Amino acid sequence: MRSDLNIDHAALVALCVIVISWFSMTTLFADFGLWRQSIRFYDVWAVIQDPAGRLSGVNGAPTLATLGFGLVCAAAIVAPALSILYQRKYAWLTCLMPFVLMTVSCALLYAKSSSSYFPVDANSHSLGALVARIAHAAETRVGDTVASRISIGAGAYVAIGASLFLALRGLGKLRRAASRADAAAKGGEDLAPRR
């Protein structure tokens, strides 16, 4: 691996911003009056596993899930940092890692928190189906109330902006490297002796 003197300082700044927003800024904030809970991005996997328990504070953060996802977050930062310092053609694809990690985490959190816990059969007229419909209606009402108390923190906005910038920067560098390689290949063909 070779280190170039042309280090992309803007990409390094974006990575530093992502580190700060993932590990020290609030990503999710739950405000239930006297009780407030703030979640950082490295703890999002615990929220994905148990949204109600983690956001309510009833279940503490599972340390194994938090540690594991924290290591995934660290890897998603170290890989682009290495590609920035040691420039290779396809290494710039690693700049997509923070954006992909945030996108997948948000999609999983949305899917997990918006799914119903009570299966409801609308065509059934039994007593069990009636109880399931009542429980589903109560769950929906409580879920809407709780959802109105949960907000996205500044850390999420800052991290998504910085990771999007980093992803676009990496794709731009990859495109420029590919066009330089194509130009060099065409230039070599033009210099070849014609018969």
N, C-alpha and C. Protein backbone atom coordinates (compact mmCIF):
# COMPACT_ATOMS: atom_id res chain seq x y z
N MET A 1 0.84 -1.18 0.00
CA MET A 1 0.00 0.00 0.00
C MET A 1 0.88 1.24 0.00
N ARG A 2 0.46 2.20 -0.78
CA ARG A 2 1.23 3.43 -0.82
C ARG A 2 0.35 4.57 -0.34
N SER A 3 0.95 5.49 0.37
CA SER A 3 0.23 6.67 0.86
C SER A 3 0.58 7.84 -0.04
N ASP A 4 -0.44 8.47 -0.60
CA ASP A 4 -0.22 9.64 -1.46
C ASP A 4 -0.26 10.90 -0.62
N LEU A 5 0.40 11.93 -1.13
CA LEU A 5 0.33 13.22 -0.46
C LEU A 5 -0.97 13.93 -0.75
N ASN A 6 -1.71 13.47 -1.77
CA ASN A 6 -3.00 14.08 -2.12
C ASN A 6 -4.11 13.43 -1.30
N ILE A 7 -4.12 13.68 -0.03
CA ILE A 7 -5.15 13.13 0.85
C ILE A 7 -6.39 14.00 0.73
N ASP A 8 -7.53 13.36 0.62
CA ASP A 8 -8.80 14.07 0.51
C ASP A 8 -9.22 14.53 1.91
N HIS A 9 -8.90 15.78 2.23
CA HIS A 9 -9.18 16.31 3.56
C HIS A 9 -10.67 16.46 3.83
N ALA A 10 -11.44 16.77 2.80
CA ALA A 10 -12.89 16.91 2.99
C ALA A 10 -13.51 15.58 3.39
N ALA A 11 -13.04 14.48 2.79
CA ALA A 11 -13.56 13.16 3.15
C ALA A 11 -13.15 12.79 4.58
N LEU A 12 -11.93 13.14 4.97
CA LEU A 12 -11.51 12.88 6.35
C LEU A 12 -12.33 13.68 7.35
N VAL A 13 -12.65 14.93 7.01
CA VAL A 13 -13.51 15.74 7.89
C VAL A 13 -14.90 15.12 7.99
N ALA A 14 -15.42 14.63 6.86
CA ALA A 14 -16.73 13.97 6.89
C ALA A 14 -16.70 12.74 7.78
N LEU A 15 -15.62 11.97 7.71
CA LEU A 15 -15.49 10.81 8.60
C LEU A 15 -15.44 11.21 10.06
N CYS A 16 -14.72 12.28 10.37
CA CYS A 16 -14.67 12.76 11.76
C CYS A 16 -16.04 13.21 12.24
N VAL A 17 -16.79 13.85 11.37
CA VAL A 17 -18.16 14.28 11.72
C VAL A 17 -19.04 13.06 11.98
N ILE A 18 -18.88 12.01 11.17
CA ILE A 18 -19.66 10.79 11.37
C ILE A 18 -19.30 10.15 12.71
N VAL A 19 -18.03 10.10 13.05
CA VAL A 19 -17.60 9.53 14.33
C VAL A 19 -18.24 10.30 15.49
N ILE A 20 -18.18 11.61 15.43
CA ILE A 20 -18.75 12.43 16.50
C ILE A 20 -20.26 12.22 16.58
N SER A 21 -20.94 12.20 15.44
CA SER A 21 -22.40 12.08 15.48
C SER A 21 -22.85 10.67 15.86
N TRP A 22 -22.09 9.64 15.51
CA TRP A 22 -22.49 8.28 15.88
C TRP A 22 -22.22 7.96 17.33
N PHE A 23 -21.12 8.48 17.88
CA PHE A 23 -20.70 8.05 19.21
C PHE A 23 -20.94 9.07 20.32
N SER A 24 -21.26 10.31 19.99
CA SER A 24 -21.47 11.28 21.08
C SER A 24 -22.74 12.11 20.94
N MET A 25 -23.38 12.10 19.78
CA MET A 25 -24.60 12.89 19.61
C MET A 25 -25.83 11.97 19.67
N THR A 26 -26.97 12.54 20.02
CA THR A 26 -28.20 11.78 20.15
C THR A 26 -28.81 11.50 18.79
N THR A 27 -29.13 10.22 18.54
CA THR A 27 -29.77 9.82 17.29
C THR A 27 -31.28 9.76 17.45
N LEU A 28 -31.75 9.16 18.52
CA LEU A 28 -33.18 9.10 18.84
C LEU A 28 -33.39 9.67 20.23
N PHE A 29 -34.50 10.37 20.40
CA PHE A 29 -34.81 10.99 21.68
C PHE A 29 -36.26 10.72 22.03
N ALA A 30 -36.49 10.11 23.18
CA ALA A 30 -37.85 9.84 23.66
C ALA A 30 -38.13 10.75 24.84
N ASP A 31 -39.23 11.49 24.77
CA ASP A 31 -39.59 12.45 25.82
C ASP A 31 -40.99 12.11 26.32
N PHE A 32 -41.05 11.53 27.52
CA PHE A 32 -42.33 11.17 28.14
C PHE A 32 -42.55 12.03 29.38
N GLY A 33 -42.42 13.33 29.24
CA GLY A 33 -42.63 14.24 30.35
C GLY A 33 -41.45 14.24 31.29
N LEU A 34 -41.63 13.65 32.48
CA LEU A 34 -40.56 13.63 33.46
C LEU A 34 -39.44 12.66 33.09
N TRP A 35 -39.74 11.72 32.23
CA TRP A 35 -38.76 10.72 31.85
C TRP A 35 -38.29 10.95 30.43
N ARG A 36 -36.97 11.01 30.24
CA ARG A 36 -36.38 11.23 28.92
C ARG A 36 -35.30 10.19 28.66
N GLN A 37 -35.26 9.74 27.43
CA GLN A 37 -34.28 8.72 27.03
C GLN A 37 -33.62 9.16 25.74
N SER A 38 -32.29 9.13 25.69
CA SER A 38 -31.59 9.45 24.45
C SER A 38 -30.77 8.24 24.02
N ILE A 39 -30.80 7.98 22.71
CA ILE A 39 -30.12 6.83 22.12
C ILE A 39 -29.09 7.35 21.12
N ARG A 40 -27.90 6.81 21.20
CA ARG A 40 -26.87 7.15 20.21
C ARG A 40 -26.87 6.07 19.12
N PHE A 41 -26.25 6.37 17.99
CA PHE A 41 -26.34 5.47 16.84
C PHE A 41 -25.74 4.10 17.12
N TYR A 42 -24.65 4.04 17.87
CA TYR A 42 -24.03 2.74 18.14
C TYR A 42 -24.94 1.82 18.97
N ASP A 43 -25.99 2.38 19.55
CA ASP A 43 -26.94 1.60 20.36
C ASP A 43 -28.23 1.30 19.59
N VAL A 44 -28.27 1.62 18.30
CA VAL A 44 -29.50 1.44 17.52
C VAL A 44 -29.87 -0.03 17.37
N TRP A 45 -28.88 -0.93 17.32
CA TRP A 45 -29.21 -2.34 17.15
C TRP A 45 -30.02 -2.87 18.34
N ALA A 46 -29.75 -2.37 19.53
CA ALA A 46 -30.55 -2.76 20.70
C ALA A 46 -31.98 -2.26 20.54
N VAL A 47 -32.15 -1.10 19.93
CA VAL A 47 -33.50 -0.57 19.68
C VAL A 47 -34.19 -1.40 18.61
N ILE A 48 -33.46 -1.84 17.60
CA ILE A 48 -34.05 -2.67 16.55
C ILE A 48 -34.52 -4.00 17.13
N GLN A 49 -33.75 -4.57 18.05
CA GLN A 49 -34.14 -5.84 18.66
C GLN A 49 -35.37 -5.70 19.55
N ASP A 50 -35.48 -4.62 20.29
CA ASP A 50 -36.61 -4.41 21.20
C ASP A 50 -36.94 -2.92 21.27
N PRO A 51 -37.69 -2.40 20.28
CA PRO A 51 -37.95 -0.95 20.25
C PRO A 51 -38.68 -0.45 21.49
N ALA A 52 -39.72 -1.14 21.90
CA ALA A 52 -40.51 -0.66 23.04
C ALA A 52 -39.71 -0.72 24.33
N GLY A 53 -39.02 -1.79 24.55
CA GLY A 53 -38.26 -1.94 25.79
C GLY A 53 -37.09 -1.00 25.89
N ARG A 54 -36.38 -0.78 24.79
CA ARG A 54 -35.19 0.08 24.83
C ARG A 54 -35.56 1.56 24.89
N LEU A 55 -36.57 1.96 24.12
CA LEU A 55 -36.94 3.38 24.13
C LEU A 55 -37.67 3.78 25.41
N SER A 56 -38.35 2.81 26.02
CA SER A 56 -39.04 3.13 27.27
C SER A 56 -38.09 3.09 28.45
N GLY A 57 -36.96 2.46 28.29
CA GLY A 57 -35.99 2.36 29.37
C GLY A 57 -36.25 1.18 30.28
N VAL A 58 -37.31 0.40 29.99
CA VAL A 58 -37.61 -0.76 30.81
C VAL A 58 -36.49 -1.78 30.70
N ASN A 59 -36.07 -2.07 29.49
CA ASN A 59 -34.94 -2.98 29.26
C ASN A 59 -33.71 -2.14 28.99
N GLY A 60 -32.68 -2.37 29.75
CA GLY A 60 -31.44 -1.66 29.52
C GLY A 60 -30.82 -2.11 28.21
N ALA A 61 -29.80 -1.43 27.81
CA ALA A 61 -29.13 -1.78 26.55
C ALA A 61 -28.43 -3.12 26.69
N PRO A 62 -28.73 -4.06 25.81
CA PRO A 62 -27.97 -5.32 25.84
C PRO A 62 -26.52 -5.04 25.47
N THR A 63 -25.62 -5.30 26.39
CA THR A 63 -24.24 -4.91 26.16
C THR A 63 -23.61 -5.65 25.00
N LEU A 64 -23.99 -6.91 24.77
CA LEU A 64 -23.42 -7.65 23.67
C LEU A 64 -23.86 -7.08 22.32
N ALA A 65 -25.15 -6.74 22.20
CA ALA A 65 -25.66 -6.14 20.96
C ALA A 65 -25.04 -4.76 20.74
N THR A 66 -24.92 -3.99 21.79
CA THR A 66 -24.32 -2.66 21.68
C THR A 66 -22.85 -2.75 21.31
N LEU A 67 -22.13 -3.66 21.94
CA LEU A 67 -20.71 -3.83 21.63
C LEU A 67 -20.53 -4.32 20.19
N GLY A 68 -21.34 -5.29 19.77
CA GLY A 68 -21.23 -5.81 18.41
C GLY A 68 -21.53 -4.77 17.36
N PHE A 69 -22.61 -4.01 17.57
CA PHE A 69 -22.95 -2.98 16.58
C PHE A 69 -21.96 -1.82 16.64
N GLY A 70 -21.41 -1.55 17.81
CA GLY A 70 -20.37 -0.53 17.92
C GLY A 70 -19.12 -0.91 17.12
N LEU A 71 -18.79 -2.21 17.13
CA LEU A 71 -17.66 -2.67 16.33
C LEU A 71 -17.96 -2.58 14.83
N VAL A 72 -19.21 -2.86 14.45
CA VAL A 72 -19.61 -2.71 13.04
C VAL A 72 -19.49 -1.24 12.63
N CYS A 73 -19.92 -0.34 13.51
CA CYS A 73 -19.81 1.10 13.23
C CYS A 73 -18.35 1.51 13.09
N ALA A 74 -17.50 0.99 13.97
CA ALA A 74 -16.07 1.31 13.89
C ALA A 74 -15.46 0.80 12.58
N ALA A 75 -15.86 -0.40 12.15
CA ALA A 75 -15.36 -0.94 10.89
C ALA A 75 -15.84 -0.11 9.71
N ALA A 76 -17.08 0.39 9.80
CA ALA A 76 -17.63 1.23 8.72
C ALA A 76 -16.93 2.57 8.65
N ILE A 77 -16.17 2.93 9.65
CA ILE A 77 -15.42 4.18 9.64
C ILE A 77 -13.95 3.93 9.28
N VAL A 78 -13.39 2.84 9.79
CA VAL A 78 -11.98 2.55 9.54
C VAL A 78 -11.73 2.21 8.06
N ALA A 79 -12.63 1.45 7.45
CA ALA A 79 -12.44 1.06 6.05
C ALA A 79 -12.35 2.26 5.11
N PRO A 80 -13.28 3.24 5.18
CA PRO A 80 -13.11 4.42 4.32
C PRO A 80 -11.88 5.25 4.68
N ALA A 81 -11.52 5.29 5.97
CA ALA A 81 -10.33 6.05 6.35
C ALA A 81 -9.08 5.47 5.70
N LEU A 82 -8.99 4.15 5.68
CA LEU A 82 -7.86 3.51 5.03
C LEU A 82 -7.86 3.76 3.52
N SER A 83 -9.06 3.76 2.93
CA SER A 83 -9.11 4.00 1.48
C SER A 83 -8.77 5.45 1.14
N ILE A 84 -9.02 6.35 2.05
CA ILE A 84 -8.67 7.75 1.82
C ILE A 84 -7.16 7.94 1.95
N LEU A 85 -6.58 7.28 2.94
CA LEU A 85 -5.14 7.44 3.16
C LEU A 85 -4.32 6.67 2.13
N TYR A 86 -4.75 5.46 1.80
CA TYR A 86 -4.05 4.63 0.82
C TYR A 86 -4.95 4.48 -0.39
N GLN A 87 -4.77 5.36 -1.34
CA GLN A 87 -5.70 5.47 -2.46
C GLN A 87 -5.51 4.34 -3.46
N ARG A 88 -6.57 3.62 -3.68
CA ARG A 88 -6.65 2.60 -4.71
C ARG A 88 -7.92 2.84 -5.49
N LYS A 89 -7.99 2.29 -6.69
CA LYS A 89 -9.11 2.58 -7.58
C LYS A 89 -10.46 2.17 -6.97
N TYR A 90 -10.61 0.93 -6.58
CA TYR A 90 -11.91 0.46 -6.08
C TYR A 90 -12.07 0.62 -4.58
N ALA A 91 -11.03 1.06 -3.90
CA ALA A 91 -11.12 1.27 -2.46
C ALA A 91 -12.09 2.40 -2.11
N TRP A 92 -12.35 3.27 -3.08
CA TRP A 92 -13.27 4.38 -2.81
C TRP A 92 -14.70 3.90 -2.59
N LEU A 93 -15.01 2.67 -2.98
CA LEU A 93 -16.34 2.11 -2.72
C LEU A 93 -16.60 1.96 -1.22
N THR A 94 -15.54 1.86 -0.43
CA THR A 94 -15.73 1.75 1.01
C THR A 94 -16.33 3.03 1.61
N CYS A 95 -16.26 4.13 0.87
CA CYS A 95 -16.86 5.37 1.36
C CYS A 95 -18.39 5.27 1.41
N LEU A 96 -18.94 4.25 0.78
CA LEU A 96 -20.38 4.03 0.84
C LEU A 96 -20.82 3.37 2.14
N MET A 97 -19.89 2.76 2.86
CA MET A 97 -20.24 1.96 4.03
C MET A 97 -21.03 2.71 5.11
N PRO A 98 -20.64 3.91 5.54
CA PRO A 98 -21.44 4.59 6.56
C PRO A 98 -22.86 4.89 6.09
N PHE A 99 -23.01 5.30 4.83
CA PHE A 99 -24.35 5.61 4.31
C PHE A 99 -25.21 4.35 4.23
N VAL A 100 -24.62 3.26 3.75
CA VAL A 100 -25.36 2.00 3.65
C VAL A 100 -25.74 1.50 5.04
N LEU A 101 -24.83 1.58 6.00
CA LEU A 101 -25.12 1.14 7.36
C LEU A 101 -26.27 1.94 7.97
N MET A 102 -26.27 3.25 7.77
CA MET A 102 -27.35 4.07 8.31
C MET A 102 -28.68 3.77 7.61
N THR A 103 -28.64 3.60 6.30
CA THR A 103 -29.86 3.33 5.55
C THR A 103 -30.47 2.00 5.95
N VAL A 104 -29.66 0.97 6.04
CA VAL A 104 -30.16 -0.36 6.43
C VAL A 104 -30.68 -0.33 7.87
N SER A 105 -29.97 0.35 8.76
CA SER A 105 -30.42 0.44 10.15
C SER A 105 -31.76 1.16 10.26
N CYS A 106 -31.91 2.25 9.53
CA CYS A 106 -33.18 2.99 9.55
C CYS A 106 -34.32 2.15 8.99
N ALA A 107 -34.05 1.43 7.90
CA ALA A 107 -35.09 0.58 7.31
C ALA A 107 -35.49 -0.54 8.25
N LEU A 108 -34.52 -1.18 8.90
CA LEU A 108 -34.84 -2.25 9.86
C LEU A 108 -35.59 -1.71 11.07
N LEU A 109 -35.18 -0.55 11.56
CA LEU A 109 -35.87 0.05 12.71
C LEU A 109 -37.31 0.40 12.36
N TYR A 110 -37.51 0.95 11.17
CA TYR A 110 -38.87 1.29 10.74
C TYR A 110 -39.73 0.03 10.59
N ALA A 111 -39.16 -1.00 9.96
CA ALA A 111 -39.92 -2.24 9.76
C ALA A 111 -40.25 -2.91 11.09
N LYS A 112 -39.31 -2.90 12.01
CA LYS A 112 -39.53 -3.55 13.32
C LYS A 112 -40.53 -2.77 14.17
N SER A 113 -40.44 -1.44 14.14
CA SER A 113 -41.31 -0.65 15.02
C SER A 113 -42.70 -0.45 14.44
N SER A 114 -42.87 -0.66 13.12
CA SER A 114 -44.20 -0.44 12.55
C SER A 114 -44.98 -1.73 12.37
N SER A 115 -44.39 -2.86 12.71
CA SER A 115 -45.12 -4.13 12.56
C SER A 115 -46.07 -4.34 13.72
N SER A 116 -47.14 -5.04 13.46
CA SER A 116 -48.17 -5.31 14.46
C SER A 116 -47.79 -6.53 15.28
N TYR A 117 -48.13 -6.51 16.57
CA TYR A 117 -47.88 -7.65 17.44
C TYR A 117 -49.07 -8.60 17.48
N PHE A 118 -50.24 -8.12 17.10
CA PHE A 118 -51.44 -8.94 17.16
C PHE A 118 -51.92 -9.23 15.74
N PRO A 119 -51.87 -10.50 15.32
CA PRO A 119 -52.40 -10.82 14.00
C PRO A 119 -53.92 -10.71 14.00
N VAL A 120 -54.46 -10.01 13.02
CA VAL A 120 -55.90 -9.76 12.96
C VAL A 120 -56.45 -10.37 11.69
N ASP A 121 -57.49 -11.19 11.85
CA ASP A 121 -58.20 -11.77 10.71
C ASP A 121 -59.50 -11.00 10.57
N ALA A 122 -59.60 -10.17 9.55
CA ALA A 122 -60.78 -9.31 9.38
C ALA A 122 -62.03 -10.08 9.01
N ASN A 123 -61.88 -11.28 8.45
CA ASN A 123 -63.05 -12.07 8.01
C ASN A 123 -63.62 -12.95 9.10
N SER A 124 -62.90 -13.16 10.16
CA SER A 124 -63.35 -14.05 11.22
C SER A 124 -64.32 -13.32 12.15
N HIS A 125 -65.34 -14.06 12.61
CA HIS A 125 -66.35 -13.47 13.50
C HIS A 125 -66.36 -14.16 14.86
N SER A 126 -65.27 -14.78 15.23
CA SER A 126 -65.19 -15.47 16.51
C SER A 126 -64.83 -14.48 17.62
N LEU A 127 -64.95 -14.94 18.85
CA LEU A 127 -64.62 -14.11 20.01
C LEU A 127 -63.13 -13.79 20.03
N GLY A 128 -62.29 -14.75 19.65
CA GLY A 128 -60.85 -14.52 19.60
C GLY A 128 -60.48 -13.45 18.59
N ALA A 129 -61.17 -13.44 17.44
CA ALA A 129 -60.89 -12.42 16.42
C ALA A 129 -61.33 -11.04 16.92
N LEU A 130 -62.44 -10.99 17.66
CA LEU A 130 -62.91 -9.71 18.23
C LEU A 130 -61.90 -9.17 19.23
N VAL A 131 -61.38 -10.05 20.09
CA VAL A 131 -60.39 -9.64 21.08
C VAL A 131 -59.10 -9.19 20.37
N ALA A 132 -58.71 -9.90 19.30
CA ALA A 132 -57.51 -9.51 18.55
C ALA A 132 -57.69 -8.15 17.89
N ARG A 133 -58.90 -7.87 17.36
CA ARG A 133 -59.15 -6.55 16.74
C ARG A 133 -59.12 -5.45 17.78
N ILE A 134 -59.66 -5.70 18.96
CA ILE A 134 -59.63 -4.70 20.04
C ILE A 134 -58.18 -4.46 20.49
N ALA A 135 -57.41 -5.54 20.64
CA ALA A 135 -56.01 -5.40 21.04
C ALA A 135 -55.21 -4.66 19.97
N HIS A 136 -55.50 -4.95 18.71
CA HIS A 136 -54.80 -4.26 17.61
C HIS A 136 -55.14 -2.77 17.61
N ALA A 137 -56.40 -2.43 17.84
CA ALA A 137 -56.79 -1.02 17.90
C ALA A 137 -56.11 -0.32 19.07
N ALA A 138 -56.04 -0.99 20.22
CA ALA A 138 -55.37 -0.39 21.38
C ALA A 138 -53.88 -0.24 21.12
N GLU A 139 -53.28 -1.25 20.49
CA GLU A 139 -51.86 -1.19 20.16
C GLU A 139 -51.58 -0.03 19.20
N THR A 140 -52.44 0.14 18.22
CA THR A 140 -52.26 1.23 17.25
C THR A 140 -52.35 2.58 17.93
N ARG A 141 -53.31 2.71 18.84
CA ARG A 141 -53.48 4.00 19.54
C ARG A 141 -52.29 4.29 20.45
N VAL A 142 -51.86 3.28 21.20
CA VAL A 142 -50.70 3.47 22.08
C VAL A 142 -49.45 3.72 21.25
N GLY A 143 -49.29 2.98 20.15
CA GLY A 143 -48.14 3.18 19.27
C GLY A 143 -48.09 4.57 18.69
N ASP A 144 -49.26 5.11 18.30
CA ASP A 144 -49.30 6.48 17.77
C ASP A 144 -48.93 7.49 18.84
N THR A 145 -49.39 7.26 20.06
CA THR A 145 -49.06 8.17 21.16
C THR A 145 -47.56 8.13 21.46
N VAL A 146 -47.02 6.92 21.53
CA VAL A 146 -45.58 6.78 21.80
C VAL A 146 -44.76 7.37 20.66
N ALA A 147 -45.18 7.12 19.42
CA ALA A 147 -44.43 7.64 18.27
C ALA A 147 -44.40 9.15 18.25
N SER A 148 -45.44 9.79 18.78
CA SER A 148 -45.44 11.25 18.82
C SER A 148 -44.46 11.78 19.86
N ARG A 149 -44.03 10.93 20.78
CA ARG A 149 -43.07 11.33 21.81
C ARG A 149 -41.63 11.00 21.46
N ILE A 150 -41.42 10.32 20.35
CA ILE A 150 -40.07 9.96 19.92
C ILE A 150 -39.68 10.84 18.75
N SER A 151 -38.51 11.42 18.85
CA SER A 151 -38.05 12.28 17.76
C SER A 151 -36.64 11.89 17.34
N ILE A 152 -36.29 12.29 16.16
CA ILE A 152 -34.96 12.03 15.63
C ILE A 152 -34.04 13.13 16.12
N GLY A 153 -32.91 12.73 16.67
CA GLY A 153 -31.97 13.69 17.23
C GLY A 153 -31.06 14.31 16.19
N ALA A 154 -30.32 15.30 16.61
CA ALA A 154 -29.41 16.02 15.72
C ALA A 154 -28.31 15.11 15.18
N GLY A 155 -27.91 14.13 15.95
CA GLY A 155 -26.86 13.22 15.51
C GLY A 155 -27.23 12.46 14.25
N ALA A 156 -28.51 12.10 14.12
CA ALA A 156 -28.95 11.37 12.92
C ALA A 156 -28.87 12.27 11.70
N TYR A 157 -29.32 13.51 11.83
CA TYR A 157 -29.28 14.43 10.69
C TYR A 157 -27.85 14.75 10.27
N VAL A 158 -26.99 15.00 11.24
CA VAL A 158 -25.60 15.32 10.93
C VAL A 158 -24.92 14.11 10.30
N ALA A 159 -25.14 12.92 10.84
CA ALA A 159 -24.49 11.71 10.32
C ALA A 159 -24.98 11.37 8.92
N ILE A 160 -26.27 11.50 8.66
CA ILE A 160 -26.77 11.16 7.32
C ILE A 160 -26.23 12.16 6.29
N GLY A 161 -26.13 13.43 6.67
CA GLY A 161 -25.57 14.42 5.75
C GLY A 161 -24.10 14.15 5.46
N ALA A 162 -23.34 13.86 6.50
CA ALA A 162 -21.90 13.60 6.31
C ALA A 162 -21.67 12.29 5.56
N SER A 163 -22.48 11.26 5.85
CA SER A 163 -22.28 9.99 5.15
C SER A 163 -22.72 10.09 3.69
N LEU A 164 -23.74 10.88 3.40
CA LEU A 164 -24.14 11.10 2.01
C LEU A 164 -23.04 11.86 1.26
N PHE A 165 -22.47 12.88 1.89
CA PHE A 165 -21.36 13.62 1.29
C PHE A 165 -20.19 12.68 1.01
N LEU A 166 -19.86 11.84 1.99
CA LEU A 166 -18.74 10.91 1.83
C LEU A 166 -19.00 9.91 0.71
N ALA A 167 -20.25 9.40 0.63
CA ALA A 167 -20.59 8.45 -0.43
C ALA A 167 -20.47 9.09 -1.81
N LEU A 168 -20.99 10.30 -1.95
CA LEU A 168 -20.90 11.00 -3.23
C LEU A 168 -19.45 11.33 -3.57
N ARG A 169 -18.68 11.67 -2.57
CA ARG A 169 -17.26 11.97 -2.79
C ARG A 169 -16.52 10.72 -3.26
N GLY A 170 -16.79 9.59 -2.62
CA GLY A 170 -16.15 8.34 -3.01
C GLY A 170 -16.54 7.90 -4.41
N LEU A 171 -17.82 8.03 -4.76
CA LEU A 171 -18.26 7.67 -6.11
C LEU A 171 -17.64 8.59 -7.16
N GLY A 172 -17.51 9.87 -6.82
CA GLY A 172 -16.86 10.81 -7.74
C GLY A 172 -15.39 10.46 -7.96
N LYS A 173 -14.69 10.11 -6.89
CA LYS A 173 -13.28 9.71 -7.02
C LYS A 173 -13.15 8.43 -7.85
N LEU A 174 -14.07 7.50 -7.63
CA LEU A 174 -14.04 6.25 -8.40
C LEU A 174 -14.29 6.51 -9.88
N ARG A 175 -15.25 7.38 -10.16
CA ARG A 175 -15.56 7.72 -11.56
C ARG A 175 -14.38 8.41 -12.23
N ARG A 176 -13.74 9.34 -11.52
CA ARG A 176 -12.57 10.02 -12.09
C ARG A 176 -11.40 9.05 -12.32
N ALA A 177 -11.21 8.12 -11.40
CA ALA A 177 -10.13 7.13 -11.56
C ALA A 177 -10.42 6.22 -12.75
N ALA A 178 -11.69 5.85 -12.93
CA ALA A 178 -12.05 4.99 -14.07
C ALA A 178 -11.88 5.74 -15.39
N SER A 179 -12.24 7.02 -15.42
CA SER A 179 -12.09 7.78 -16.67
C SER A 179 -10.61 8.02 -16.99
N ARG A 180 -9.77 8.20 -15.96
CA ARG A 180 -8.33 8.33 -16.20
C ARG A 180 -7.75 7.03 -16.73
N ALA A 181 -8.22 5.91 -16.21
CA ALA A 181 -7.73 4.61 -16.69
C ALA A 181 -8.16 4.37 -18.13
N ASP A 182 -9.41 4.76 -18.45
CA ASP A 182 -9.88 4.63 -19.83
C ASP A 182 -9.09 5.53 -20.77
N ALA A 183 -8.80 6.76 -20.33
CA ALA A 183 -8.03 7.68 -21.16
C ALA A 183 -6.61 7.16 -21.37
N ALA A 184 -6.04 6.58 -20.34
CA ALA A 184 -4.69 6.03 -20.47
C ALA A 184 -4.68 4.84 -21.41
N ALA A 185 -5.73 4.02 -21.36
CA ALA A 185 -5.82 2.86 -22.25
C ALA A 185 -5.99 3.32 -23.70
N LYS A 186 -6.82 4.33 -23.91
CA LYS A 186 -6.99 4.86 -25.27
C LYS A 186 -5.73 5.54 -25.77
N GLY A 187 -5.05 6.23 -24.88
CA GLY A 187 -3.80 6.90 -25.25
C GLY A 187 -2.74 5.89 -25.65
N GLY A 188 -2.71 4.76 -24.98
CA GLY A 188 -1.76 3.70 -25.32
C GLY A 188 -2.07 3.08 -26.66
N GLU A 189 -3.37 3.00 -27.01
CA GLU A 189 -3.74 2.45 -28.31
C GLU A 189 -3.36 3.42 -29.44
N ASP A 190 -3.48 4.72 -29.17
CA ASP A 190 -3.15 5.71 -30.18
C ASP A 190 -1.65 5.74 -30.48
N LEU A 191 -0.84 5.42 -29.48
CA LEU A 191 0.61 5.45 -29.65
C LEU A 191 1.15 4.16 -30.28
N ALA A 192 0.33 3.13 -30.32
CA ALA A 192 0.80 1.86 -30.87
C ALA A 192 1.04 2.02 -32.37
N PRO A 193 2.09 1.38 -32.92
CA PRO A 193 2.37 1.51 -34.35
C PRO A 193 1.26 0.87 -35.18
N ARG A 194 0.88 1.55 -36.25
CA ARG A 194 -0.17 1.01 -37.13
C ARG A 194 0.47 0.25 -38.26
N ARG A 195 -0.20 -0.80 -38.68
CA ARG A 195 0.31 -1.62 -39.79
C ARG A 195 -0.53 -1.48 -41.00
